[in-house]
Each structure stands twice: as C-alpha cells, then as structure tokens.
Amino acid sequence: MNRKHFILIAAVFLISSRLFAATSFSGYAGAKLNYSPNPESEDYDPDLKLQAFFAGQFNFSQNVWSHLEFSINTGDFFAQSFFHETDSKFQVDELSLIMRANMYSCANYFSMFMGTYDPIGSDVFLQRYFNIKPISSKITESYLGLAGSILYPHFGIGISDIIKFYNKPIAFGGYLYVNHEDEDNYVFNADLRFATVLRFLTFDFAGGIGIPLSDKYKGEEVILAIEKIYWHAGTTMLLGNNYTTSLFLQAGIYNASFTKKQDSSVISPNEIYLLAEPRFLLGKGHLNISVFSLPPETVKKLLFVDDTLGVDVNIYGESSTSGSKEVNFGTHVCLSFIDKNFEDLQDIQNINSNGYNLNITPYFSTTFLSGELHLQGTLRIKEFINGNAGRGISVDLGYRTKF
C-alpha cells in the first residue's frame, strides 16, 4: 500500500475518532529478530532480520468498532550500518469498520474492510465471533500477524455481513469484495461462510468465486467480458478440543480457474494447502504430529517450516509456574523435502530428488513484563552432515504483548 493510501487511512481514523466521543483502544503487537546464515552465500555470512506486527481495535461505542493491523518484514540489517536504511516490506493487513445490530435471537455484524479480513486458515474468525482460545497449529506460528499462514485471503476492498446466534453456536454470512489478484484485471469476489463451535468439534468453512472484470475481448473494447472464473475454498476443523487428544485439519484451494473450453478446473499444486495434525496428551505433556503440503508463499512466512512438503513432530510441556512466571518449553523435529508437494508422493522413490532438510528446534517462552518472551534455536542437521556447521545454526528472539 503506497503512502497516499496510508495517509487516507490515517485521515479516516482521525475523523472517525472525532465522531464518537467515548473511544477506547486495545491492541496486540509483536516482533521477532532472526539471526541466521545467508543461504545464498557459500561462506559464513550471517543475516539479522526483523518481523513485526501491530493489531489494534478502536471501540467507538458498544456496537461500533474498527480493526487496524499492519506488518513489517525487513531485509538484512548487517547489509548496511544500523544507522542506514534497510530494505523492508510494509503491509497494511487489515482496516475494517464493524457495526453490530442486536436482534431478538441473533446479532448481525455488518463490516466494511480494506486488506485481509477474517482470513480462512487462521482462527481469527473463530476467536472474534465465538471467543475461543487459539486452536491453530503451532507450526503455522508467525510474527507477521494476518500476513502469516492463510489458506486463502478475503483480500481487497469490500463488505461482509455475518449473523451469530445467541443460543446456538453457529455463525454464517457472506463477503463481497474486489481485488487485483488477476495479473490483468480487477476481480469481483463473492464468498459464503459457515462456522460452529461445539464441545468436541470446531468447524470453519468458506468458499466462493472470483470473476475477472475485463473491458476487452479479442482486442476489442466491450462493456464487460468474462473469459474465466476463479474459485476458492478452505476449511479449518478440530475434532476434539484443546483439553483432549484431538485431530486438527486444514485444507484449501486458491485461484483455481474455469474457462468455457475446459472440461475441468485448472488447479496448481502450489495453490493447494493441506495440513493434518493429530494431537496427543501425554500426562502433562503434548505430542503433535503435523503432515503438511503448503504453498511456497506460506512457507516463507513461518517459523518452523523451511520447505513445502514434510512432517513435523512437536513435543512440548504444559505451562509450569516459576514464581509468578509461566514457563513453556518444547522441541520441533521437522523433516521436509525441497520443492515437493503432495502430488510427488505418487512417486515416493524419487521424493528426495531435490534434497531434504532435517531441523531440530528447541524453544522456550516465559512471561516477561506484560507479554511473552520467546527464544528458539534451530539446528539444521543437513548442514552439519555436509561439514557446514556455521550455516547450521540460527536463533530467533521474539516478544508479543497485549495492551
């Protein structure tokens, strides 16, 4: 989003805050420093990079509020002096205004939004409308907020309308929005959503179509031409709950397309998101086994995953108390295959044709000040086997807090 757009957004917030006398604010922010060797350098060349996000909610009244979230992903601080500018990516992830109407048996939430709104693939929608604790997989953790793990985004400029029943754990609704995900044209999208939270089942599904809006057909100008239709769908499901042995599932397809001349839709494996994660209780400990095939763009933003296809074993302990502080600790062991996806499992003998990565990531977190301090180190076993010990170690230090 360019500077003009950001100034416009800031102006909207300033005007809105003056329209409502009793404005309150709550927020959530985090940042993570990553120290790791440059994978493109043959010699030891460490990088220091930063990921950060800020999410805020402005409560104008009991039934009117707004969300603002943005994220930053920087380049290597060591490439320049600390007192010189560093290349970075700044993204406004969400700007939305929500108005709630309380009816006899349900509440109606009407929203206007810019950016990514209620993304399928995260548990944001479930937390906002059902007030549940997080259920997402730990391998999809990110310090990029909404820009992290997403099956497909409700991304663009648009509106949504969600109905949540008072006496039934059900929410459903729809989204209408325009974006520019197509290289040549703006795309009009229409999506439907349904979610429910029961004692031993949490379910969230969304799906819809996107229609590229073209004003040319075979080089001639027309009022409207539709040469293809995109479709997308995604679901998040937890069988069981956070306090039982359970099964967590996610699946999604983004920007599959239909045309008049096709017998079926065109789907790229790189646009399909699959994650299956059995979660076992071991006394006071936990064992999660994640089998995944993820899009490359998703993998770039995650903490514990380097490649698109693989399996991750996460063993961690429940929170223990040390004085007034909560302490959590665990280890990820991740085996992944380079530039592979679920289709390559058909030729299992050649699954390692592009190489593999085997990473061990012990991590530790504790309460610090008013937030959570997170420290982890990653050992890339393949680099040690190849005699590149200096390139086999990376460290992440992160902090998140609510205010």
Protein backbone atom coordinates (compact mmCIF):
# COMPACT_ATOMS: atom_id res chain seq x y z
CA MET A 1 0.00 0.00 0.00
CA ASN A 2 1.54 3.32 -1.04
CA ARG A 3 1.99 6.46 1.06
CA LYS A 4 -1.13 8.18 -0.31
CA HIS A 5 -3.30 5.25 0.67
CA PHE A 6 -1.80 5.16 4.16
CA ILE A 7 -2.40 8.90 4.65
CA LEU A 8 -6.02 8.40 3.56
CA ILE A 9 -6.40 5.56 6.09
CA ALA A 10 -4.98 7.70 8.88
CA ALA A 11 -7.34 10.53 7.97
CA VAL A 12 -10.34 8.19 8.13
CA PHE A 13 -9.35 7.09 11.64
CA LEU A 14 -8.88 10.65 12.85
CA ILE A 15 -12.27 11.70 11.52
CA SER A 16 -13.94 8.57 12.94
CA SER A 17 -12.46 9.11 16.38
CA ARG A 18 -13.96 12.61 16.47
CA LEU A 19 -17.39 11.31 15.52
CA PHE A 20 -17.55 9.11 18.60
CA ALA A 21 -16.97 10.76 21.95
CA ALA A 22 -16.03 7.69 24.05
CA THR A 23 -13.35 5.95 22.01
CA SER A 24 -11.33 3.20 23.69
CA PHE A 25 -8.44 1.17 22.33
CA SER A 26 -6.89 -2.27 22.80
CA GLY A 27 -4.01 -3.77 20.89
CA TYR A 28 -1.69 -6.70 20.27
CA ALA A 29 1.85 -6.35 18.94
CA GLY A 30 4.91 -8.49 18.43
CA ALA A 31 8.40 -8.51 16.95
CA LYS A 32 11.00 -11.18 16.22
CA LEU A 33 14.70 -10.93 15.42
CA ASN A 34 16.19 -13.76 13.38
CA TYR A 35 19.95 -14.39 13.30
CA SER A 36 20.84 -16.95 10.64
CA PRO A 37 23.39 -17.64 7.89
CA ASN A 38 22.65 -16.35 4.41
CA PRO A 39 21.54 -19.44 2.42
CA GLU A 40 22.72 -17.88 -0.86
CA SER A 41 26.30 -17.37 0.34
CA GLU A 42 28.89 -20.17 0.22
CA ASP A 43 30.87 -18.55 3.04
CA TYR A 44 29.55 -17.84 6.51
CA ASP A 45 27.58 -14.63 6.08
CA PRO A 46 25.07 -14.08 8.91
CA ASP A 47 21.83 -12.14 8.41
CA LEU A 48 19.86 -10.26 11.03
CA LYS A 49 16.22 -9.72 10.06
CA LEU A 50 13.12 -8.41 11.77
CA GLN A 51 9.47 -9.44 11.52
CA ALA A 52 6.90 -7.35 13.39
CA PHE A 53 3.16 -6.71 13.51
CA PHE A 54 0.71 -4.42 15.23
CA ALA A 55 -3.02 -5.07 15.62
CA GLY A 56 -5.40 -2.62 17.25
CA GLN A 57 -9.10 -2.39 17.96
CA PHE A 58 -10.79 1.01 18.33
CA ASN A 59 -14.10 0.79 20.23
CA PHE A 60 -16.19 3.80 19.26
CA SER A 61 -19.27 2.52 21.08
CA GLN A 62 -20.66 -0.77 22.34
CA ASN A 63 -21.82 -1.70 18.83
CA VAL A 64 -19.31 0.07 16.58
CA TRP A 65 -15.59 -0.69 16.43
CA SER A 66 -12.71 -0.86 14.00
CA HIS A 67 -9.65 -3.04 13.40
CA LEU A 68 -6.25 -1.93 12.15
CA GLU A 69 -3.34 -4.30 11.55
CA PHE A 70 -0.05 -3.88 9.74
CA SER A 71 3.17 -5.88 9.49
CA ILE A 72 6.83 -5.28 8.64
CA ASN A 73 9.33 -7.76 7.19
CA THR A 74 12.84 -6.36 6.83
CA GLY A 75 15.93 -7.32 4.91
CA ASP A 76 19.35 -7.94 6.45
CA PHE A 77 20.41 -5.29 8.96
CA PHE A 78 24.04 -6.40 8.54
CA ALA A 79 23.97 -5.47 4.84
CA GLN A 80 24.18 -1.84 5.91
CA SER A 81 25.16 0.03 9.02
CA PHE A 82 22.45 0.15 11.70
CA PHE A 83 22.26 3.87 11.07
CA HIS A 84 21.45 3.45 7.37
CA GLU A 85 18.17 2.43 5.78
CA THR A 86 17.37 -1.26 5.29
CA ASP A 87 15.08 -2.69 2.63
CA SER A 88 11.80 -3.80 4.15
CA LYS A 89 8.23 -4.72 3.23
CA PHE A 90 5.47 -2.80 4.96
CA GLN A 91 1.93 -4.07 4.56
CA VAL A 92 -1.42 -2.87 5.89
CA ASP A 93 -3.08 -6.23 6.54
CA GLU A 94 -6.50 -5.05 7.71
CA LEU A 95 -8.51 -1.88 8.04
CA SER A 96 -12.15 -2.50 8.89
CA LEU A 97 -15.21 -0.91 10.45
CA ILE A 98 -17.74 -3.22 12.14
CA MET A 99 -21.29 -2.33 13.15
CA ARG A 100 -23.36 -4.71 15.27
CA ALA A 101 -27.15 -4.80 15.33
CA ASN A 102 -28.64 -6.77 18.23
CA MET A 103 -31.81 -8.61 17.23
CA TYR A 104 -34.16 -10.94 19.09
CA SER A 105 -32.34 -14.25 18.51
CA CYS A 106 -29.06 -13.19 16.92
CA ALA A 107 -26.57 -10.42 16.34
CA ASN A 108 -25.85 -9.06 12.87
CA TYR A 109 -22.32 -7.84 12.14
CA PHE A 110 -22.00 -5.62 9.07
CA SER A 111 -18.44 -4.73 8.06
CA MET A 112 -16.61 -2.59 5.56
CA PHE A 113 -12.99 -3.55 5.04
CA MET A 114 -9.76 -2.99 3.18
CA GLY A 115 -6.95 -5.55 3.12
CA THR A 116 -7.30 -9.06 4.55
CA TYR A 117 -10.45 -9.67 6.57
CA ASP A 118 -11.36 -12.77 8.63
CA PRO A 119 -8.88 -14.95 6.69
CA ILE A 120 -9.72 -18.61 6.33
CA GLY A 121 -6.76 -20.65 7.55
CA SER A 122 -6.29 -18.72 10.75
CA ASP A 123 -8.54 -18.96 13.80
CA VAL A 124 -9.20 -15.20 13.81
CA PHE A 125 -12.86 -15.59 12.79
CA LEU A 126 -13.47 -18.23 15.48
CA GLN A 127 -11.82 -16.13 18.19
CA ARG A 128 -13.72 -12.98 17.21
CA TYR A 129 -17.21 -14.47 16.97
CA PHE A 130 -17.03 -17.39 19.44
CA ASN A 131 -14.44 -16.03 21.92
CA ILE A 132 -12.47 -19.30 21.96
CA LYS A 133 -8.82 -19.88 22.78
CA PRO A 134 -6.44 -20.31 19.80
CA ILE A 135 -6.59 -23.69 18.05
CA SER A 136 -4.21 -23.15 15.11
CA SER A 137 -1.22 -25.43 14.58
CA LYS A 138 2.00 -24.33 16.26
CA ILE A 139 3.91 -24.90 13.01
CA THR A 140 1.97 -22.01 11.45
CA GLU A 141 3.04 -19.51 14.10
CA SER A 142 4.32 -16.24 12.67
CA TYR A 143 5.28 -12.74 13.75
CA LEU A 144 3.55 -11.27 10.71
CA GLY A 145 0.01 -11.26 12.12
CA LEU A 146 -2.63 -11.80 9.42
CA ALA A 147 0.15 -11.97 6.81
CA GLY A 148 1.22 -15.35 8.20
CA SER A 149 -0.49 -18.66 7.45
CA ILE A 150 -3.63 -18.15 5.33
CA LEU A 151 -5.48 -20.77 3.26
CA TYR A 152 -6.86 -18.01 1.11
CA PRO A 153 -7.47 -14.36 1.97
CA HIS A 154 -10.64 -12.34 1.84
CA PHE A 155 -8.35 -9.68 0.40
CA GLY A 156 -9.34 -6.42 -1.25
CA ILE A 157 -11.95 -3.73 -0.68
CA GLY A 158 -15.44 -4.87 0.23
CA ILE A 159 -18.21 -5.59 2.70
CA SER A 160 -19.32 -8.54 4.78
CA ASP A 161 -22.41 -9.48 6.76
CA ILE A 162 -22.25 -12.14 9.50
CA ILE A 163 -25.06 -13.46 11.69
CA LYS A 164 -24.21 -15.04 15.06
CA PHE A 165 -27.00 -16.73 17.04
CA TYR A 166 -27.25 -16.12 20.80
CA ASN A 167 -28.46 -19.58 21.84
CA LYS A 168 -26.81 -21.66 19.12
CA PRO A 169 -23.06 -21.94 18.47
CA ILE A 170 -23.48 -21.03 14.80
CA ALA A 171 -22.28 -18.12 12.67
CA PHE A 172 -22.76 -17.69 8.93
CA GLY A 173 -22.67 -14.94 6.36
CA GLY A 174 -21.14 -13.63 3.17
CA TYR A 175 -18.46 -11.37 1.69
CA LEU A 176 -18.43 -9.17 -1.41
CA TYR A 177 -15.09 -7.65 -2.34
CA VAL A 178 -12.89 -6.52 -5.24
CA ASN A 179 -9.17 -7.18 -5.55
CA HIS A 180 -6.43 -7.35 -8.19
CA GLU A 181 -5.22 -10.93 -7.74
CA ASP A 182 -5.50 -11.43 -11.50
CA GLU A 183 -2.48 -10.01 -13.38
CA ASP A 184 -4.58 -8.18 -15.95
CA ASN A 185 -7.94 -7.32 -14.39
CA TYR A 186 -9.75 -6.44 -11.22
CA VAL A 187 -11.61 -9.43 -9.76
CA PHE A 188 -15.07 -9.29 -8.15
CA ASN A 189 -15.42 -11.95 -5.43
CA ALA A 190 -18.46 -13.39 -3.66
CA ASP A 191 -17.95 -15.79 -0.73
CA LEU A 192 -20.11 -17.64 1.79
CA ARG A 193 -19.03 -18.74 5.27
CA PHE A 194 -20.28 -21.10 7.97
CA ALA A 195 -18.74 -21.86 11.37
CA THR A 196 -19.74 -23.70 14.53
CA VAL A 197 -18.05 -24.44 17.86
CA LEU A 198 -19.25 -27.49 19.80
CA ARG A 199 -17.70 -29.31 22.74
CA PHE A 200 -15.80 -31.81 20.58
CA LEU A 201 -15.96 -30.14 17.17
CA THR A 202 -14.78 -26.79 15.87
CA PHE A 203 -15.55 -26.16 12.21
CA ASP A 204 -15.00 -23.17 9.93
CA PHE A 205 -15.63 -23.25 6.17
CA ALA A 206 -15.62 -20.58 3.48
CA GLY A 207 -15.80 -20.71 -0.28
CA GLY A 208 -16.70 -18.62 -3.28
CA ILE A 209 -15.92 -17.44 -6.77
CA GLY A 210 -13.95 -14.61 -8.35
CA ILE A 211 -14.88 -13.02 -11.69
CA PRO A 212 -12.20 -11.02 -13.55
CA LEU A 213 -13.76 -7.81 -14.88
CA SER A 214 -12.35 -7.19 -18.35
CA ASP A 215 -13.40 -4.44 -20.76
CA LYS A 216 -11.70 -6.01 -23.78
CA TYR A 217 -12.40 -9.16 -25.79
CA LYS A 218 -10.01 -10.24 -28.56
CA GLY A 219 -8.58 -6.74 -28.64
CA GLU A 220 -11.95 -5.04 -28.96
CA GLU A 221 -13.44 -2.84 -26.28
CA VAL A 222 -16.64 -4.19 -24.72
CA ILE A 223 -18.78 -3.29 -21.71
CA LEU A 224 -17.86 -6.49 -19.84
CA ALA A 225 -16.14 -9.72 -20.87
CA ILE A 226 -15.76 -12.81 -18.68
CA GLU A 227 -13.21 -15.28 -20.06
CA LYS A 228 -12.74 -17.36 -16.89
CA ILE A 229 -13.99 -17.73 -13.34
CA TYR A 230 -11.82 -18.35 -10.30
CA TRP A 231 -12.98 -20.41 -7.36
CA HIS A 232 -11.57 -20.86 -3.90
CA ALA A 233 -12.46 -22.73 -0.72
CA GLY A 234 -10.93 -23.55 2.63
CA THR A 235 -11.73 -25.17 5.94
CA THR A 236 -10.33 -25.39 9.46
CA MET A 237 -11.51 -28.24 11.67
CA LEU A 238 -10.66 -29.55 15.14
CA LEU A 239 -12.08 -32.92 16.17
CA GLY A 240 -11.86 -32.88 19.97
CA ASN A 241 -10.69 -29.78 21.81
CA ASN A 242 -7.63 -28.20 23.41
CA TYR A 243 -8.05 -30.37 26.51
CA THR A 244 -8.34 -33.79 24.82
CA THR A 245 -6.47 -35.89 22.31
CA SER A 246 -7.66 -34.40 19.04
CA LEU A 247 -7.22 -34.12 15.28
CA PHE A 248 -6.62 -30.76 13.62
CA LEU A 249 -7.25 -30.45 9.87
CA GLN A 250 -6.86 -27.65 7.34
CA ALA A 251 -7.34 -27.71 3.59
CA GLY A 252 -7.68 -25.00 0.99
CA ILE A 253 -7.62 -24.18 -2.72
CA TYR A 254 -6.97 -20.70 -4.06
CA ASN A 255 -7.49 -19.29 -7.57
CA ALA A 256 -8.43 -22.48 -9.37
CA SER A 257 -9.98 -21.38 -12.67
CA PHE A 258 -12.70 -22.42 -15.09
CA THR A 259 -12.93 -21.40 -18.73
CA LYS A 260 -15.51 -22.23 -21.40
CA LYS A 261 -13.10 -24.50 -23.29
CA GLN A 262 -12.00 -26.51 -20.25
CA ASP A 263 -13.55 -29.78 -19.19
CA SER A 264 -12.36 -29.25 -15.64
CA SER A 265 -10.77 -26.58 -13.48
CA VAL A 266 -7.08 -25.73 -13.61
CA ILE A 267 -5.52 -26.27 -10.19
CA SER A 268 -1.83 -25.85 -9.45
CA PRO A 269 -0.42 -27.93 -6.55
CA ASN A 270 1.28 -24.73 -5.37
CA GLU A 271 -2.17 -23.26 -4.72
CA ILE A 272 -3.33 -26.13 -2.51
CA TYR A 273 -2.90 -26.09 1.26
CA LEU A 274 -3.06 -29.36 3.24
CA LEU A 275 -2.32 -29.90 6.92
CA ALA A 276 -3.25 -32.87 9.12
CA GLU A 277 -2.17 -32.83 12.77
CA PRO A 278 -3.03 -35.49 15.36
CA ARG A 279 -2.55 -34.07 18.86
CA PHE A 280 -1.86 -36.44 21.76
CA LEU A 281 -1.94 -35.78 25.51
CA LEU A 282 0.95 -37.44 27.38
CA GLY A 283 0.23 -36.75 31.03
CA LYS A 284 1.27 -33.11 31.42
CA GLY A 285 2.95 -33.09 28.03
CA HIS A 286 1.78 -32.84 24.44
CA LEU A 287 2.78 -34.56 21.22
CA ASN A 288 1.66 -33.05 17.88
CA ILE A 289 2.50 -34.75 14.57
CA SER A 290 1.96 -32.46 11.57
CA VAL A 291 1.89 -33.73 8.00
CA PHE A 292 1.79 -30.84 5.53
CA SER A 293 1.87 -29.74 1.90
CA LEU A 294 1.92 -25.94 1.86
CA PRO A 295 2.17 -23.22 -0.81
CA PRO A 296 5.67 -21.68 -1.19
CA GLU A 297 4.39 -18.21 -0.29
CA THR A 298 3.05 -19.55 3.02
CA VAL A 299 6.29 -21.35 3.91
CA LYS A 300 8.34 -18.15 3.54
CA LYS A 301 6.50 -16.58 6.48
CA LEU A 302 6.62 -19.44 9.01
CA LEU A 303 8.97 -20.07 11.93
CA PHE A 304 9.34 -23.85 11.95
CA VAL A 305 8.94 -24.91 8.31
CA ASP A 306 11.54 -24.49 5.53
CA ASP A 307 10.01 -26.50 2.68
CA THR A 308 6.61 -27.17 1.16
CA LEU A 309 6.23 -30.90 1.94
CA GLY A 310 7.11 -32.71 5.12
CA VAL A 311 6.31 -33.88 8.61
CA ASP A 312 6.90 -32.10 11.92
CA VAL A 313 6.92 -33.64 15.40
CA ASN A 314 6.37 -31.17 18.23
CA ILE A 315 6.83 -32.27 21.86
CA TYR A 316 6.16 -29.63 24.50
CA GLY A 317 5.33 -29.29 28.15
CA GLU A 318 2.35 -27.62 29.72
CA SER A 319 2.86 -24.27 31.37
CA SER A 320 4.66 -24.59 34.67
CA THR A 321 4.93 -21.91 37.32
CA SER A 322 8.27 -20.46 38.38
CA GLY A 323 7.43 -17.83 40.97
CA SER A 324 4.89 -15.58 39.26
CA LYS A 325 6.04 -16.52 35.75
CA GLU A 326 4.65 -19.10 33.35
CA VAL A 327 7.26 -21.17 31.53
CA ASN A 328 6.74 -23.23 28.36
CA PHE A 329 9.31 -25.35 26.58
CA GLY A 330 9.40 -27.87 23.76
CA THR A 331 11.12 -29.10 20.61
CA HIS A 332 10.19 -29.33 16.94
CA VAL A 333 11.77 -32.02 14.75
CA CYS A 334 10.92 -31.33 11.11
CA LEU A 335 11.78 -33.44 8.05
CA SER A 336 10.90 -31.70 4.79
CA PHE A 337 11.56 -32.16 1.09
CA ILE A 338 12.71 -29.33 -1.16
CA ASP A 339 10.33 -28.13 -3.91
CA LYS A 340 7.92 -31.04 -3.45
CA ASN A 341 4.18 -31.26 -2.81
CA PHE A 342 1.54 -33.89 -2.16
CA GLU A 343 1.46 -34.96 -5.84
CA ASP A 344 5.08 -36.10 -5.58
CA LEU A 345 4.03 -38.77 -3.07
CA GLN A 346 2.81 -40.80 -6.07
CA ASP A 347 6.49 -41.29 -6.95
CA ILE A 348 7.73 -41.91 -3.43
CA GLN A 349 11.04 -43.41 -4.61
CA ASN A 350 12.12 -40.03 -6.00
CA ILE A 351 10.74 -37.89 -3.20
CA ASN A 352 14.30 -36.91 -2.25
CA SER A 353 15.39 -35.95 -5.78
CA ASN A 354 15.76 -32.25 -4.84
CA GLY A 355 17.21 -32.91 -1.42
CA TYR A 356 15.78 -32.64 2.08
CA ASN A 357 16.11 -30.67 5.31
CA LEU A 358 16.12 -32.08 8.83
CA ASN A 359 15.79 -29.42 11.51
CA ILE A 360 15.68 -29.65 15.30
CA THR A 361 14.25 -26.55 17.01
CA PRO A 362 14.14 -26.38 20.81
CA TYR A 363 12.16 -23.40 22.08
CA PHE A 364 11.38 -21.66 25.32
CA SER A 365 8.86 -18.99 26.29
CA THR A 366 8.03 -17.19 29.51
CA THR A 367 6.06 -14.21 30.72
CA PHE A 368 8.16 -11.05 30.73
CA LEU A 369 6.86 -7.65 31.79
CA SER A 370 3.32 -7.59 30.36
CA GLY A 371 3.88 -10.01 27.49
CA GLU A 372 5.52 -13.23 26.32
CA LEU A 373 9.23 -13.64 25.56
CA HIS A 374 10.06 -16.40 23.08
CA LEU A 375 13.52 -17.84 22.35
CA GLN A 376 14.36 -20.65 19.96
CA GLY A 377 17.38 -22.10 18.20
CA THR A 378 17.35 -24.20 15.04
CA LEU A 379 19.92 -26.89 14.21
CA ARG A 380 19.96 -27.76 10.50
CA ILE A 381 21.29 -31.30 10.60
CA LYS A 382 21.94 -31.48 6.86
CA GLU A 383 24.41 -28.59 7.07
CA PHE A 384 26.32 -30.36 9.87
CA ILE A 385 26.43 -33.55 7.77
CA ASN A 386 27.83 -31.54 4.86
CA GLY A 387 30.51 -30.00 7.08
CA ASN A 388 28.96 -26.51 7.17
CA ALA A 389 28.45 -26.15 10.92
CA GLY A 390 28.43 -22.34 10.72
CA ARG A 391 25.44 -22.44 8.38
CA GLY A 392 23.61 -24.97 10.51
CA ILE A 393 22.56 -22.74 13.40
CA SER A 394 20.00 -19.94 13.60
CA VAL A 395 18.45 -18.14 16.57
CA ASP A 396 15.11 -16.33 16.94
CA LEU A 397 14.18 -13.95 19.73
CA GLY A 398 10.60 -12.70 19.83
CA TYR A 399 8.25 -10.77 22.08
CA ARG A 400 4.46 -10.37 21.98
CA THR A 401 2.22 -8.34 24.24
CA LYS A 402 -1.36 -7.14 24.62
CA PHE A 403 -2.25 -3.66 25.82
